[in-house]
C-alpha atoms as a PDB file:
ATOM      1  CA  MET A   1      71.347 100.564  88.856  1.00  0.00           C
ATOM      2  CA  HIS A   2      73.711 103.398  89.823  1.00  0.00           C
ATOM      3  CA  LEU A   3      77.345 102.629  88.939  1.00  0.00           C
ATOM      4  CA  LYS A   4      80.598 104.437  89.615  1.00  0.00           C
ATOM      5  CA  ILE A   5      83.250 103.380  87.097  1.00  0.00           C
ATOM      6  CA  ILE A   6      86.873 104.076  87.948  1.00  0.00           C
ATOM      7  CA  CYS A   7      89.203 103.532  85.011  1.00  0.00           C
ATOM      8  CA  ASN A   8      92.966 103.221  85.180  1.00  0.00           C
ATOM      9  CA  PRO A   9      93.925 104.679  81.769  1.00  0.00           C
ATOM     10  CA  ALA A  10      97.364 103.051  81.905  1.00  0.00           C
ATOM     11  CA  ALA A  11      96.032  99.519  82.461  1.00  0.00           C
ATOM     12  CA  GLY A  12      96.708  96.966  79.743  1.00  0.00           C
ATOM     13  CA  ARG A  13      99.204  99.297  78.042  1.00  0.00           C
ATOM     14  CA  GLY A  14      96.375 101.779  77.465  1.00  0.00           C
ATOM     15  CA  ARG A  15      93.738  99.159  76.618  1.00  0.00           C
ATOM     16  CA  ALA A  16      91.465 100.318  79.432  1.00  0.00           C
ATOM     17  CA  HIS A  17      91.564 103.928  78.223  1.00  0.00           C
ATOM     18  CA  ARG A  18      90.783 102.881  74.642  1.00  0.00           C
ATOM     19  CA  HIS A  19      87.678 100.887  75.617  1.00  0.00           C
ATOM     20  CA  ILE A  20      86.180 102.756  78.566  1.00  0.00           C
ATOM     21  CA  ARG A  21      83.804 104.888  76.442  1.00  0.00           C
ATOM     22  CA  GLU A  22      82.513 101.728  74.790  1.00  0.00           C
ATOM     23  CA  ALA A  23      81.856 100.206  78.215  1.00  0.00           C
ATOM     24  CA  VAL A  24      80.025 103.293  79.479  1.00  0.00           C
ATOM     25  CA  ALA A  25      77.858 103.465  76.361  1.00  0.00           C
ATOM     26  CA  TYR A  26      76.916  99.796  76.628  1.00  0.00           C
ATOM     27  CA  LEU A  27      76.073  99.999  80.321  1.00  0.00           C
ATOM     28  CA  MET A  28      73.891 103.039  79.717  1.00  0.00           C
ATOM     29  CA  SER A  29      72.152 101.276  76.831  1.00  0.00           C
ATOM     30  CA  ARG A  30      71.225  98.596  79.385  1.00  0.00           C
ATOM     31  CA  GLY A  31      69.590 101.212  81.586  1.00  0.00           C
ATOM     32  CA  ALA A  32      72.357 101.822  84.120  1.00  0.00           C
ATOM     33  CA  ARG A  33      73.054 105.276  85.528  1.00  0.00           C
ATOM     34  CA  VAL A  34      76.807 105.666  85.129  1.00  0.00           C
ATOM     35  CA  GLU A  35      79.374 108.048  86.551  1.00  0.00           C
ATOM     36  CA  MET A  36      82.872 107.542  85.151  1.00  0.00           C
ATOM     37  CA  GLU A  37      86.238 108.801  86.357  1.00  0.00           C
ATOM     38  CA  GLU A  38      89.770 108.185  85.108  1.00  0.00           C
ATOM     39  CA  SER A  39      92.524 108.066  87.701  1.00  0.00           C
ATOM     40  CA  SER A  40      95.579 110.268  87.286  1.00  0.00           C
ATOM     41  CA  SER A  41      98.022 108.225  89.401  1.00  0.00           C
ATOM     42  CA  PRO A  42      98.146 105.079  91.547  1.00  0.00           C
ATOM     43  CA  ALA A  43      97.409 107.097  94.684  1.00  0.00           C
ATOM     44  CA  ASP A  44      94.526 108.819  92.930  1.00  0.00           C
ATOM     45  CA  LEU A  45      92.965 105.477  91.971  1.00  0.00           C
ATOM     46  CA  THR A  46      93.180 104.320  95.599  1.00  0.00           C
ATOM     47  CA  ARG A  47      91.594 107.563  96.802  1.00  0.00           C
ATOM     48  CA  ARG A  48      88.757 107.493  94.244  1.00  0.00           C
ATOM     49  CA  ALA A  49      87.886 103.854  94.948  1.00  0.00           C
ATOM     50  CA  ALA A  50      87.889 104.411  98.719  1.00  0.00           C
ATOM     51  CA  ALA A  51      85.606 107.421  98.369  1.00  0.00           C
ATOM     52  CA  ALA A  52      83.233 105.616  95.994  1.00  0.00           C
ATOM     53  CA  SER A  53      82.905 102.675  98.395  1.00  0.00           C
ATOM     54  CA  ARG A  54      81.306 105.053 100.928  1.00  0.00           C
ATOM     55  CA  GLU A  55      79.077 107.106  98.625  1.00  0.00           C
ATOM     56  CA  GLY A  56      76.049 104.837  98.197  1.00  0.00           C
ATOM     57  CA  TYR A  57      76.531 103.498  94.677  1.00  0.00           C
ATOM     58  CA  ASP A  58      74.975 100.159  93.848  1.00  0.00           C
ATOM     59  CA  ARG A  59      78.317  98.968  92.508  1.00  0.00           C
ATOM     60  CA  VAL A  60      81.812 100.363  92.048  1.00  0.00           C
ATOM     61  CA  VAL A  61      83.272  99.131  88.762  1.00  0.00           C
ATOM     62  CA  ILE A  62      87.056  98.941  88.391  1.00  0.00           C
ATOM     63  CA  CYS A  63      88.262  99.085  84.808  1.00  0.00           C
ATOM     64  CA  GLY A  64      91.783  97.675  84.570  1.00  0.00           C
ATOM     65  CA  GLY A  65      93.818  94.631  85.569  1.00  0.00           C
ATOM     66  CA  ASP A  66      95.218  93.028  88.702  1.00  0.00           C
ATOM     67  CA  GLY A  67      97.321  96.089  89.525  1.00  0.00           C
ATOM     68  CA  SER A  68      94.273  98.336  89.257  1.00  0.00           C
ATOM     69  CA  LEU A  69      92.296  96.007  91.513  1.00  0.00           C
ATOM     70  CA  ASN A  70      95.161  96.049  94.013  1.00  0.00           C
ATOM     71  CA  LEU A  71      95.180  99.843  94.132  1.00  0.00           C
ATOM     72  CA  ALA A  72      91.394  99.993  94.351  1.00  0.00           C
ATOM     73  CA  VAL A  73      91.123  97.609  97.304  1.00  0.00           C
ATOM     74  CA  ARG A  74      93.861  99.180  99.449  1.00  0.00           C
ATOM     75  CA  GLU A  75      91.536 101.575 101.288  1.00  0.00           C
ATOM     76  CA  TYR A  76      88.173 100.290 100.068  1.00  0.00           C
ATOM     77  CA  GLU A  77      85.425 100.001 102.668  1.00  0.00           C
ATOM     78  CA  LEU A  78      85.154  96.236 103.039  1.00  0.00           C
ATOM     79  CA  GLY A  79      81.795  94.593 103.548  1.00  0.00           C
ATOM     80  CA  LYS A  80      79.746  97.381 101.951  1.00  0.00           C
ATOM     81  CA  THR A  81      79.458  98.427  98.288  1.00  0.00           C
ATOM     82  CA  PRO A  82      80.015  95.510  95.888  1.00  0.00           C
ATOM     83  CA  MET A  83      82.921  95.840  93.482  1.00  0.00           C
ATOM     84  CA  ALA A  84      82.698  94.752  89.842  1.00  0.00           C
ATOM     85  CA  LEU A  85      85.576  94.251  87.405  1.00  0.00           C
ATOM     86  CA  LEU A  86      86.006  95.047  83.734  1.00  0.00           C
ATOM     87  CA  PRO A  87      89.204  93.069  82.984  1.00  0.00           C
ATOM     88  CA  LEU A  88      91.167  95.309  80.634  1.00  0.00           C
ATOM     89  CA  GLY A  89      94.638  94.765  82.078  1.00  0.00           C
ATOM     90  CA  SER A  90      97.596  92.686  80.966  1.00  0.00           C
ATOM     91  CA  GLY A  91      97.052  89.513  82.981  1.00  0.00           C
ATOM     92  CA  ASP A  92      93.630  89.821  84.644  1.00  0.00           C
ATOM     93  CA  ASP A  93      94.298  86.773  86.810  1.00  0.00           C
ATOM     94  CA  PHE A  94      91.855  87.605  89.594  1.00  0.00           C
ATOM     95  CA  ALA A  95      89.027  88.247  87.142  1.00  0.00           C
ATOM     96  CA  ASN A  96      89.846  84.926  85.497  1.00  0.00           C
ATOM     97  CA  VAL A  97      89.598  83.098  88.832  1.00  0.00           C
ATOM     98  CA  CYS A  98      86.230  84.768  89.440  1.00  0.00           C
ATOM     99  CA  GLY A  99      84.983  83.599  86.046  1.00  0.00           C
ATOM    100  CA  ILE A 100      84.568  87.127  84.664  1.00  0.00           C
ATOM    101  CA  PRO A 101      84.703  87.043  80.835  1.00  0.00           C
ATOM    102  CA  ARG A 102      87.416  88.824  78.852  1.00  0.00           C
ATOM    103  CA  SER A 103      84.733  90.067  76.445  1.00  0.00           C
ATOM    104  CA  LEU A 104      83.976  93.660  77.423  1.00  0.00           C
ATOM    105  CA  LYS A 105      80.229  93.450  76.836  1.00  0.00           C
ATOM    106  CA  LYS A 106      79.956  90.161  78.695  1.00  0.00           C
ATOM    107  CA  ALA A 107      81.945  91.603  81.600  1.00  0.00           C
ATOM    108  CA  CYS A 108      79.560  94.570  81.617  1.00  0.00           C
ATOM    109  CA  ASP A 109      76.640  92.147  81.737  1.00  0.00           C
ATOM    110  CA  VAL A 110      78.206  90.490  84.776  1.00  0.00           C
ATOM    111  CA  ALA A 111      78.658  93.897  86.441  1.00  0.00           C
ATOM    112  CA  LEU A 112      74.917  94.495  86.072  1.00  0.00           C
ATOM    113  CA  ASP A 113      73.419  91.020  86.428  1.00  0.00           C
ATOM    114  CA  GLY A 114      75.966  89.033  88.423  1.00  0.00           C
ATOM    115  CA  ARG A 115      75.647  87.771  91.966  1.00  0.00           C
ATOM    116  CA  ILE A 116      77.668  88.956  94.959  1.00  0.00           C
ATOM    117  CA  ARG A 117      80.441  86.729  96.288  1.00  0.00           C
ATOM    118  CA  GLU A 118      82.173  87.575  99.575  1.00  0.00           C
ATOM    119  CA  VAL A 119      85.897  86.962  99.107  1.00  0.00           C
ATOM    120  CA  ASP A 120      88.943  87.092 101.350  1.00  0.00           C
ATOM    121  CA  VAL A 121      91.394  89.982 101.291  1.00  0.00           C
ATOM    122  CA  ALA A 122      95.046  89.213 102.024  1.00  0.00           C
ATOM    123  CA  MET A 123      97.607  91.531 103.597  1.00  0.00           C
ATOM    124  CA  ALA A 124     101.398  91.854 103.581  1.00  0.00           C
ATOM    125  CA  ASN A 125     102.549  94.018 106.495  1.00  0.00           C
ATOM    126  CA  GLY A 126      99.052  95.464 106.604  1.00  0.00           C
ATOM    127  CA  LYS A 127      98.905  96.299 102.880  1.00  0.00           C
ATOM    128  CA  ARG A 128      96.069  94.582 101.071  1.00  0.00           C
ATOM    129  CA  TYR A 129      96.273  92.404  97.997  1.00  0.00           C
ATOM    130  CA  MET A 130      93.782  90.092  96.297  1.00  0.00           C
ATOM    131  CA  GLY A 131      95.778  87.518  94.348  1.00  0.00           C
ATOM    132  CA  VAL A 132      99.338  86.390  95.052  1.00  0.00           C
ATOM    133  CA  SER A 133     102.224  88.057  96.855  1.00  0.00           C
ATOM    134  CA  GLY A 134     105.808  86.887  96.921  1.00  0.00           C
ATOM    135  CA  LEU A 135     109.464  87.506  97.648  1.00  0.00           C
ATOM    136  CA  GLY A 136     112.757  86.299  96.170  1.00  0.00           C
ATOM    137  CA  PHE A 137     113.043  85.265  92.519  1.00  0.00           C
ATOM    138  CA  ASP A 138     109.322  85.829  92.129  1.00  0.00           C
ATOM    139  CA  SER A 139     109.559  89.489  93.119  1.00  0.00           C
ATOM    140  CA  GLU A 140     112.739  90.158  91.170  1.00  0.00           C
ATOM    141  CA  VAL A 141     110.970  88.922  88.048  1.00  0.00           C
ATOM    142  CA  ASN A 142     107.977  91.116  88.872  1.00  0.00           C
ATOM    143  CA  GLU A 143     110.149  94.180  89.316  1.00  0.00           C
ATOM    144  CA  TYR A 144     112.013  93.541  86.064  1.00  0.00           C
ATOM    145  CA  ALA A 145     108.729  93.003  84.195  1.00  0.00           C
ATOM    146  CA  ASN A 146     107.324  96.286  85.486  1.00  0.00           C
ATOM    147  CA  GLN A 147     110.415  98.200  84.436  1.00  0.00           C
ATOM    148  CA  ASN A 148     111.184  96.545  81.105  1.00  0.00           C
ATOM    149  CA  GLY A 149     108.075  94.829  79.729  1.00  0.00           C
ATOM    150  CA  ARG A 150     106.107  97.801  78.462  1.00  0.00           C
ATOM    151  CA  TYR A 151     105.752  96.436  74.915  1.00  0.00           C
ATOM    152  CA  LEU A 152     104.621  92.956  75.962  1.00  0.00           C
ATOM    153  CA  SER A 153     101.412  91.759  77.565  1.00  0.00           C
ATOM    154  CA  GLY A 154     100.034  88.900  79.627  1.00  0.00           C
ATOM    155  CA  SER A 155     102.294  85.954  80.377  1.00  0.00           C
ATOM    156  CA  MET A 156     104.819  87.082  77.750  1.00  0.00           C
ATOM    157  CA  VAL A 157     105.928  89.869  80.098  1.00  0.00           C
ATOM    158  CA  TYR A 158     106.759  87.387  82.835  1.00  0.00           C
ATOM    159  CA  LEU A 159     108.394  84.849  80.534  1.00  0.00           C
ATOM    160  CA  TYR A 160     110.668  87.559  79.186  1.00  0.00           C
ATOM    161  CA  ALA A 161     111.518  88.754  82.711  1.00  0.00           C
ATOM    162  CA  ILE A 162     112.196  85.195  83.939  1.00  0.00           C
ATOM    163  CA  PHE A 163     114.863  84.603  81.297  1.00  0.00           C
ATOM    164  CA  ARG A 164     116.462  87.973  81.982  1.00  0.00           C
ATOM    165  CA  VAL A 165     116.589  87.582  85.773  1.00  0.00           C
ATOM    166  CA  LEU A 166     117.409  83.878  85.989  1.00  0.00           C
ATOM    167  CA  PRO A 167     121.121  83.878  84.941  1.00  0.00           C
ATOM    168  CA  LYS A 168     122.156  86.263  87.746  1.00  0.00           C
ATOM    169  CA  PHE A 169     119.807  85.036  90.458  1.00  0.00           C
ATOM    170  CA  LYS A 170     121.129  83.709  93.773  1.00  0.00           C
ATOM    171  CA  PRO A 171     119.098  82.061  96.574  1.00  0.00           C
ATOM    172  CA  HIS A 172     118.146  84.039  99.681  1.00  0.00           C
ATOM    173  CA  ARG A 173     118.538  82.961 103.292  1.00  0.00           C
ATOM    174  CA  VAL A 174     115.308  83.541 105.218  1.00  0.00           C
ATOM    175  CA  ARG A 175     113.666  82.742 108.519  1.00  0.00           C
ATOM    176  CA  ILE A 176     110.222  81.248 107.966  1.00  0.00           C
ATOM    177  CA  SER A 177     107.527  81.219 110.659  1.00  0.00           C
ATOM    178  CA  THR A 178     104.350  79.191 110.204  1.00  0.00           C
ATOM    179  CA  GLY A 179     101.856  77.476 112.452  1.00  0.00           C
ATOM    180  CA  ASN A 180     104.342  74.606 112.679  1.00  0.00           C
ATOM    181  CA  GLY A 181     107.204  76.678 114.083  1.00  0.00           C
ATOM    182  CA  THR A 182     110.195  78.686 112.848  1.00  0.00           C
ATOM    183  CA  ARG A 183     113.151  77.602 110.722  1.00  0.00           C
ATOM    184  CA  GLU A 184     115.992  79.117 108.684  1.00  0.00           C
ATOM    185  CA  GLU A 185     116.991  78.050 105.191  1.00  0.00           C
ATOM    186  CA  GLU A 186     117.862  79.205 101.701  1.00  0.00           C
ATOM    187  CA  ILE A 187     115.037  79.551  99.204  1.00  0.00           C
ATOM    188  CA  MET A 188     114.617  80.553  95.591  1.00  0.00           C
ATOM    189  CA  PHE A 189     111.320  82.260  96.343  1.00  0.00           C
ATOM    190  CA  ALA A 190     108.105  82.093  98.329  1.00  0.00           C
ATOM    191  CA  ALA A 191     104.600  82.982  97.179  1.00  0.00           C
ATOM    192  CA  VAL A 192     101.585  83.486  99.443  1.00  0.00           C
ATOM    193  CA  GLY A 193      98.311  83.174  97.583  1.00  0.00           C
ATOM    194  CA  ASN A 194      94.835  84.334  98.398  1.00  0.00           C
ATOM    195  CA  SER A 195      94.072  83.238  94.840  1.00  0.00           C
ATOM    196  CA  ARG A 196      95.631  80.429  92.803  1.00  0.00           C
ATOM    197  CA  GLN A 197      97.432  82.325  90.041  1.00  0.00           C
ATOM    198  CA  TYR A 198      99.381  85.324  88.825  1.00  0.00           C
ATOM    199  CA  GLY A 199     101.521  86.355  85.847  1.00  0.00           C
ATOM    200  CA  GLY A 200      98.879  85.684  83.209  1.00  0.00           C
ATOM    201  CA  GLY A 201      97.921  82.156  84.265  1.00  0.00           C
ATOM    202  CA  ILE A 202     100.795  80.832  86.406  1.00  0.00           C
ATOM    203  CA  ARG A 203      99.062  78.610  88.997  1.00  0.00           C
ATOM    204  CA  ILE A 204     101.647  79.052  91.692  1.00  0.00           C
ATOM    205  CA  THR A 205      99.319  78.146  94.598  1.00  0.00           C
ATOM    206  CA  PRO A 206      96.983  75.878  92.635  1.00  0.00           C
ATOM    207  CA  ASP A 207      94.726  74.828  95.506  1.00  0.00           C
ATOM    208  CA  ALA A 208      94.078  78.331  96.856  1.00  0.00           C
ATOM    209  CA  ARG A 209      90.479  79.487  97.122  1.00  0.00           C
ATOM    210  CA  ILE A 210      89.432  83.100  97.436  1.00  0.00           C
ATOM    211  CA  ASP A 211      86.797  82.461 100.096  1.00  0.00           C
ATOM    212  CA  ASP A 212      88.159  79.689 102.337  1.00  0.00           C
ATOM    213  CA  HIS A 213      89.437  82.050 105.091  1.00  0.00           C
ATOM    214  CA  LEU A 214      92.991  80.729 104.601  1.00  0.00           C
ATOM    215  CA  LEU A 215      96.183  81.613 102.757  1.00  0.00           C
ATOM    216  CA  ASP A 216      98.177  79.146 100.654  1.00  0.00           C
ATOM    217  CA  VAL A 217     101.971  79.210 100.515  1.00  0.00           C
ATOM    218  CA  CYS A 218     104.395  77.844  97.933  1.00  0.00           C
ATOM    219  CA  ILE A 219     108.075  77.771  98.924  1.00  0.00           C
ATOM    220  CA  VAL A 220     110.681  76.792  96.353  1.00  0.00           C
ATOM    221  CA  HIS A 221     113.727  75.670  98.311  1.00  0.00           C
ATOM    222  CA  ARG A 222     117.289  76.094  97.114  1.00  0.00           C
ATOM    223  CA  THR A 223     117.882  74.210  93.885  1.00  0.00           C
ATOM    224  CA  SER A 224     119.909  74.581  90.710  1.00  0.00           C
ATOM    225  CA  ILE A 225     119.127  77.164  88.068  1.00  0.00           C
ATOM    226  CA  GLY A 226     118.530  74.312  85.646  1.00  0.00           C
ATOM    227  CA  GLN A 227     116.007  72.664  87.950  1.00  0.00           C
ATOM    228  CA  LEU A 228     114.228  75.958  88.501  1.00  0.00           C
ATOM    229  CA  LEU A 229     114.120  76.628  84.761  1.00  0.00           C
ATOM    230  CA  THR A 230     112.594  73.251  83.956  1.00  0.00           C
ATOM    231  CA  THR A 231     110.123  73.481  86.836  1.00  0.00           C
ATOM    232  CA  LEU A 232     108.698  76.931  86.119  1.00  0.00           C
ATOM    233  CA  PRO A 233     106.703  75.885  83.004  1.00  0.00           C
ATOM    234  CA  ARG A 234     104.941  73.265  85.120  1.00  0.00           C
ATOM    235  CA  ALA A 235     103.500  76.076  87.245  1.00  0.00           C
ATOM    236  CA  TYR A 236     101.080  76.890  84.427  1.00  0.00           C
ATOM    237  CA  ASN A 237      99.078  73.790  85.348  1.00  0.00           C
ATOM    238  CA  GLY A 238     100.119  73.570  88.999  1.00  0.00           C
ATOM    239  CA  SER A 239     102.194  70.383  88.642  1.00  0.00           C
ATOM    240  CA  HIS A 240     105.338  72.125  89.943  1.00  0.00           C
ATOM    241  CA  VAL A 241     104.153  71.253  93.454  1.00  0.00           C
ATOM    242  CA  ARG A 242     105.173  67.615  92.858  1.00  0.00           C
ATOM    243  CA  LYS A 243     108.859  68.518  92.772  1.00  0.00           C
ATOM    244  CA  PRO A 244     110.757  67.497  95.944  1.00  0.00           C
ATOM    245  CA  PHE A 245     112.195  71.007  96.439  1.00  0.00           C
ATOM    246  CA  VAL A 246     108.733  72.639  96.315  1.00  0.00           C
ATOM    247  CA  GLU A 247     106.820  72.942  99.591  1.00  0.00           C
ATOM    248  CA  THR A 248     103.186  73.929  99.876  1.00  0.00           C
ATOM    249  CA  GLY A 249     101.006  74.672 102.863  1.00  0.00           C
ATOM    250  CA  ARG A 250      97.948  76.465 104.129  1.00  0.00           C
ATOM    251  CA  GLY A 251      97.391  78.619 107.166  1.00  0.00           C
ATOM    252  CA  LEU A 252      96.111  81.807 108.752  1.00  0.00           C
ATOM    253  CA  GLU A 253      99.457  83.615 108.655  1.00  0.00           C
ATOM    254  CA  PHE A 254     103.069  83.357 107.518  1.00  0.00           C
ATOM    255  CA  ARG A 255     106.172  85.377 108.380  1.00  0.00           C
ATOM    256  CA  PHE A 256     109.433  85.769 106.467  1.00  0.00           C
ATOM    257  CA  GLU A 257     112.594  87.503 107.656  1.00  0.00           C
ATOM    258  CA  ALA A 258     115.691  87.918 105.461  1.00  0.00           C
ATOM    259  CA  GLU A 259     119.381  88.604 105.946  1.00  0.00           C
ATOM    260  CA  ASP A 260     119.506  90.794 102.838  1.00  0.00           C
ATOM    261  CA  PRO A 261     116.943  93.296 101.484  1.00  0.00           C
ATOM    262  CA  LEU A 262     113.984  91.557  99.873  1.00  0.00           C
ATOM    263  CA  LYS A 263     111.131  93.374  98.158  1.00  0.00           C
ATOM    264  CA  VAL A 264     107.615  91.982  98.385  1.00  0.00           C
ATOM    265  CA  PHE A 265     105.299  92.301  95.393  1.00  0.00           C
ATOM    266  CA  GLY A 266     101.572  91.541  95.315  1.00  0.00           C
ATOM    267  CA  ASP A 267      99.196  91.630  92.335  1.00  0.00           C
ATOM    268  CA  GLY A 268     102.132  92.899  90.286  1.00  0.00           C
ATOM    269  CA  GLU A 269     102.661  95.909  92.559  1.00  0.00           C
ATOM    270  CA  HIS A 270     105.403  96.653  95.083  1.00  0.00           C
ATOM    271  CA  LEU A 271     103.857  96.351  98.538  1.00  0.00           C
ATOM    272  CA  THR A 272     106.558  96.227 101.205  1.00  0.00           C
ATOM    273  CA  GLU A 273     109.894  94.644 102.185  1.00  0.00           C
ATOM    274  CA  ALA A 274     110.924  91.747 104.405  1.00  0.00           C
ATOM    275  CA  PRO A 275     110.494  91.159 107.277  1.00  0.00           C
ATOM    276  CA  VAL A 276     106.923  90.550 106.171  1.00  0.00           C
ATOM    277  CA  HIS A 277     103.829  89.219 107.904  1.00  0.00           C
ATOM    278  CA  PHE A 278     101.118  87.733 105.697  1.00  0.00           C
ATOM    279  CA  ARG A 279      97.582  87.375 107.037  1.00  0.00           C
ATOM    280  CA  LEU A 280      93.947  87.972 106.076  1.00  0.00           C
ATOM    281  CA  ALA A 281      92.044  91.204 106.606  1.00  0.00           C
ATOM    282  CA  GLU A 282      89.119  91.056 109.008  1.00  0.00           C
ATOM    283  CA  GLY A 283      86.565  92.161 106.421  1.00  0.00           C
ATOM    284  CA  LYS A 284      85.467  90.589 103.142  1.00  0.00           C
ATOM    285  CA  LEU A 285      85.262  92.177  99.713  1.00  0.00           C
ATOM    286  CA  PRO A 286      81.854  91.734  98.066  1.00  0.00           C
ATOM    287  CA  ILE A 287      82.694  91.163  94.405  1.00  0.00           C
ATOM    288  CA  VAL A 288      80.331  90.667  91.468  1.00  0.00           C
ATOM    289  CA  VAL A 289      80.758  87.326  89.682  1.00  0.00           C
ATOM    290  CA  PRO A 290      78.713  85.524  87.003  1.00  0.00           C
ATOM    291  CA  ARG A 291      75.547  83.834  88.192  1.00  0.00           C
ATOM    292  CA  GLY A 292      75.972  80.104  88.494  1.00  0.00           C
ATOM    293  CA  SER A 293      79.751  80.426  88.757  1.00  0.00           C
ATOM    294  CA  GLU A 294      80.102  79.004  92.277  1.00  0.00           C
ATOM    295  CA  SER A 295      80.358  75.361  91.233  1.00  0.00           C
ATOM    296  CA  ARG A 296      82.869  76.202  88.487  1.00  0.00           C
ATOM    297  CA  SER A 297      84.919  78.288  90.914  1.00  0.00           C
ATOM    298  CA  ALA A 298      84.936  75.559  93.521  1.00  0.00           C
ATOM    299  CA  SER A 299      86.211  73.012  91.032  1.00  0.00           C
ATOM    300  CA  SER A 300      88.731  75.288  89.314  1.00  0.00           C
ATOM    301  CA  GLU A 301      90.222  76.996  92.340  1.00  0.00           C
END
């Protein structure tokens, strides 16, 4: 099997860079023909992944986390070369949903021996993402985590950012357009999920599936800071959706317009600003998942 590995050396606070040689050596010991490149910038990772998707490799292997996957898929040729993941990032939520092991050798085994699953690709104003995108409190936390959480990893980054952002946060007035019409109201945040989770295991859209041809939305309406604070921990198991100020839904597209500037983050990366139109891309991403994982994915997503 001929593999192109693209490693984001910054992923996982340098974890990807520290382990990439080990991954290459193991894959070669299993008989794979491996070409490895390290990206030099976010734009470079996007360029390398797009090029590799058109060059006839059996599989393009992305070594990094959710942010690396986001950059890799932005210009990737959908529907052609399968993509495999070596989850060496901070949260690795999408790999977790796909059932890809955290163990490096086991993830390498999946890259070689796994089956191909065709999954949906979401878009925010035409920019692709794979997991969850959001605006409001959600995005302000994401931005703070990116700027100030360099010494933390996984869900600890987001927990730290939540407690830093929360005291100064104020609701945002938005216009929301769904298949059921348009309305204006104040919200704490909105998240649109292609996948069920982000932030190292926060199941914000717990019923989302990555191959159901639909997007899931979670809107947290205006509430008190205290209510928001006590509700957020429940998002780790998805029970936050039972709160009366939490609205969930499913559809082909969603639109949000805002009176004040609102950044939109997806997969931990800044994507665009409101007004924002969420929808699915026309093509599917063929991704390598463990054999026999379909039943587990169906029950866990």
